[in-house]
Protein backbone atom coordinates (compact mmCIF):
# COMPACT_ATOMS: atom_id res chain seq x y z
CA MET A 1 1.35 2.45 14.74
CA LEU A 2 1.53 1.82 10.99
CA ASP A 3 3.43 -2.07 10.59
CA ARG A 4 0.79 -3.32 8.04
CA GLU A 5 2.46 -6.59 8.10
CA GLY A 6 6.10 -5.14 8.87
CA SER A 7 8.81 -3.06 7.32
CA ILE A 8 9.74 -2.72 3.46
CA ALA A 9 12.95 -4.19 4.05
CA ASP A 10 11.73 -7.40 5.44
CA TRP A 11 9.58 -8.11 2.42
CA THR A 12 10.02 -10.05 -0.40
CA VAL A 13 10.37 -8.75 -3.80
CA SER A 14 7.01 -10.41 -4.75
CA GLN A 15 5.16 -8.76 -1.46
CA LEU A 16 6.64 -5.67 -2.19
CA VAL A 17 5.26 -5.72 -5.59
CA GLU A 18 1.78 -6.89 -4.63
CA ARG A 19 1.74 -4.40 -1.58
CA MET A 20 2.90 -1.46 -3.72
CA ARG A 21 -0.47 -2.42 -5.77
CA ARG A 22 -2.81 -2.23 -2.32
CA PRO A 23 -3.35 1.21 -0.82
CA ARG A 24 -3.90 -0.36 2.58
CA TYR A 25 0.11 -0.89 2.38
CA ARG A 26 0.94 2.80 2.08
CA CYS A 27 3.64 2.20 -0.72
CA GLY A 28 3.20 5.24 -3.11
CA GLY A 29 5.59 6.73 -5.06
CA GLY A 30 7.62 7.99 -2.18
CA VAL A 31 8.56 4.37 -1.31
CA ALA A 32 9.41 3.95 -4.86
CA ALA A 33 11.68 6.54 -4.48
CA GLY A 34 13.26 5.12 -1.90
CA LEU A 35 13.85 1.78 -3.38
CA SER A 36 14.95 3.23 -6.44
CA ILE A 37 17.99 5.13 -4.38
CA ALA A 38 18.57 2.12 -2.54
CA GLN A 39 18.93 -0.05 -5.73
CA ALA A 40 21.02 2.57 -7.35
CA ALA A 41 23.49 2.60 -4.23
CA ALA A 42 23.54 -1.27 -4.81
CA LEU A 43 24.38 -1.45 -8.31
CA THR A 44 26.85 1.79 -7.97
CA ASP A 45 28.69 -0.42 -4.63
CA LEU A 46 28.80 -3.48 -7.52
CA VAL A 47 30.49 -1.13 -9.82
CA ARG A 48 33.21 0.04 -7.11
CA ARG A 49 34.06 -3.25 -6.33
CA ALA A 50 34.69 -4.05 -9.95
CA ALA A 51 36.77 -0.79 -9.76
CA ARG A 52 38.88 -1.50 -6.85
CA GLN A 53 42.01 -1.91 -8.79
CA GLN A 54 41.91 1.38 -10.35
CA LEU A 55 40.74 3.40 -6.73
CA PRO A 56 42.95 4.15 -4.18
CA ARG A 57 42.34 1.84 -1.07
CA GLU A 58 41.25 4.92 0.99
CA VAL A 59 38.70 6.07 -1.45
CA ALA A 60 37.36 2.89 -2.25
CA ASP A 61 36.84 2.55 1.09
CA LYS A 62 35.28 5.57 2.09
CA LEU A 63 32.96 4.99 -0.99
CA ALA A 64 31.91 1.65 0.34
CA GLU A 65 30.86 3.24 3.52
CA ASP A 66 29.12 6.09 2.00
CA LEU A 67 26.99 3.87 -0.55
CA GLU A 68 26.25 1.35 2.57
CA ARG A 69 25.13 4.26 4.74
CA ILE A 70 23.13 5.83 1.18
CA ALA A 71 21.63 2.36 1.26
CA VAL A 72 20.65 2.29 4.17
CA SER A 73 19.06 5.32 4.69
CA ALA A 74 17.38 5.11 1.76
CA LEU A 75 15.39 2.15 2.90
CA ALA A 76 14.69 3.40 5.77
CA GLN A 77 13.31 6.85 3.86
CA ALA A 78 10.84 4.39 1.81
CA GLU A 79 9.75 3.30 5.95
CA ARG A 80 9.03 6.35 6.67
CA ASP A 81 7.28 7.65 3.47
CA ARG A 82 4.64 5.19 4.42
CA GLU A 83 4.51 6.33 7.90
CA ALA A 84 4.41 9.84 6.73
CA LEU A 85 1.66 8.81 4.16
CA ASP A 86 -0.58 7.33 6.80
CA GLY A 87 -0.01 10.32 9.30
CA LEU A 88 -0.91 12.27 6.37
CA LEU A 89 -4.28 10.49 5.15
CA ARG A 90 -5.62 9.63 8.68
CA ALA A 91 -5.07 13.59 9.70
CA LEU A 92 -7.19 14.63 6.50
CA ARG A 93 -9.79 11.76 7.44
CA LEU A 94 -10.28 13.66 10.81
CA ASP A 95 -10.00 17.47 9.42
CA GLN A 96 -8.13 18.53 6.96
CA GLY A 97 -8.05 22.43 8.11
CA SER A 98 -6.47 21.02 11.43
CA PRO A 99 -3.30 21.83 12.70
CA SER A 100 -2.78 18.23 12.75
CA ALA A 101 -3.44 17.84 8.75
CA THR A 102 -0.70 20.63 8.39
CA VAL A 103 1.76 19.25 10.39
CA ALA A 104 1.04 15.64 8.82
CA ALA A 105 1.45 17.83 5.39
CA GLU A 106 4.36 19.41 6.51
CA ARG A 107 5.91 15.94 7.38
CA ALA A 108 4.52 14.05 3.98
CA THR A 109 6.86 16.80 2.18
CA ALA A 110 9.93 16.72 4.30
CA VAL A 111 10.36 13.25 4.08
CA PRO A 112 10.56 13.01 -0.02
CA LEU A 113 12.90 16.02 0.34
CA GLU A 114 15.57 14.17 2.33
CA THR A 115 15.31 11.19 -0.25
CA ALA A 116 15.66 13.66 -2.94
CA ASP A 117 18.86 14.71 -1.21
CA LEU A 118 20.02 11.13 -0.63
CA GLY A 119 19.88 11.05 -4.26
CA LEU A 120 21.54 14.00 -5.31
CA ALA A 121 23.87 12.54 -2.77
CA LEU A 122 24.13 9.42 -4.66
CA ALA A 123 24.29 10.93 -8.07
CA ALA A 124 27.71 12.86 -7.29
CA LEU A 125 29.15 9.46 -5.77
CA ILE A 126 28.01 7.85 -9.26
CA ARG A 127 29.66 10.30 -10.70
CA SER A 128 32.97 9.96 -8.83
CA VAL A 129 32.80 6.24 -9.83
CA LEU A 130 32.37 7.21 -13.75
CA PRO A 131 36.11 7.83 -14.49
CA HIS A 132 37.23 4.39 -12.73
CA THR A 133 34.62 1.97 -13.93
CA PRO A 134 35.48 -1.20 -16.05
CA THR A 135 34.10 -1.27 -19.67
CA PHE A 136 32.11 -4.92 -18.54
CA ALA A 137 30.37 -2.60 -15.67
CA ALA A 138 29.61 0.52 -17.67
CA SER A 139 25.60 -0.38 -18.40
CA ASP A 140 25.84 -1.29 -14.29
CA LEU A 141 26.84 2.20 -13.58
CA GLU A 142 24.39 3.57 -16.44
CA ALA A 143 21.24 1.79 -14.57
CA ALA A 144 22.22 2.99 -11.53
CA ARG A 145 22.30 6.55 -12.28
CA ALA A 146 18.86 5.69 -14.22
CA LEU A 147 18.03 4.53 -10.80
CA CYS A 148 18.69 7.08 -8.91
CA ARG A 149 17.59 9.84 -11.05
CA ALA A 150 14.03 8.20 -11.29
CA GLY A 151 14.30 8.24 -7.19
CA ILE A 152 14.87 12.16 -6.99
CA GLU A 153 12.24 12.93 -9.76
CA ALA A 154 9.73 10.79 -8.06
CA ALA A 155 10.65 12.18 -4.69
CA LEU A 156 10.36 15.70 -5.30
CA ALA A 157 7.00 14.63 -7.39
CA MET A 158 5.50 13.56 -4.20
CA ALA A 159 6.78 16.59 -1.98
CA ARG A 160 5.41 18.65 -4.62
CA ALA A 161 1.97 16.96 -4.55
CA ASN A 162 1.53 17.72 -0.69
CA LEU A 163 1.95 21.50 -1.68
CA PRO A 164 -1.38 22.45 -2.07
CA LEU A 165 -2.39 20.92 1.60
CA LEU A 166 0.12 24.07 2.88
CA SER A 167 -0.59 27.82 3.44
CA PRO A 168 0.23 29.81 0.36
CA GLU A 169 3.76 31.09 2.20
CA ARG A 170 4.91 27.93 3.12
CA ALA A 171 3.78 26.59 -0.02
CA GLU A 172 5.98 28.72 -2.10
CA VAL A 173 8.99 28.29 0.58
CA LEU A 174 9.20 24.49 -0.36
CA GLN A 175 8.54 25.22 -4.07
CA ARG A 176 11.81 26.50 -4.10
CA GLU A 177 13.30 23.91 -2.51
CA ILE A 178 12.10 21.42 -4.85
CA LEU A 179 13.09 23.53 -7.96
CA GLN A 180 16.65 24.04 -6.20
CA ARG A 181 17.24 20.28 -5.72
CA ARG A 182 15.72 19.30 -9.50
CA ALA A 183 18.30 22.08 -10.63
CA ARG A 184 20.97 19.92 -9.41
CA LEU A 185 19.73 17.22 -11.40
CA PRO A 186 22.17 16.35 -14.86
CA GLU A 187 20.60 18.38 -17.43
CA HIS A 188 20.57 14.48 -19.20
CA PRO A 189 20.39 11.07 -17.11
CA GLN A 190 23.55 9.97 -19.49
CA ALA A 191 25.12 13.19 -17.87
């Protein structure tokens, strides 16, 4: 039902920035998380292309497929997050204690957790490219790592924000899932 002037993937950068400022478009932190991960995947692919001489062809081809899948999936997650947020806000307006509000809160928590999982998969790919990175592309990979980490952290923050809307038991389970994902992040963005 959301639409609100099409898919994020079809917006210009200017439209995206403008619409992120406006609540009616439902572009919160979960959207930013997905976009950060998509950008990080694109930069990592740029570095992969620069490193193609150092990578065995099969490895480079598999990496290209994985990076494309993550970039496309991260854009889709950004759109799913808009839909989940819209559903949650609609349900909360009707009745915060209703079963439909609980279902919507569960979805609004699950979507950013899936986004974080994409980011964690990308972080592993970034680490695999690091030893093959030409000097001139090192800063691009560093930017990819920073965007990826920011996307993961933003996604986990969005999931955590919805926990008070769930039963204490369910919130505790999801809090453990959030902490498990957080523990998989490198200690330092440069690591």
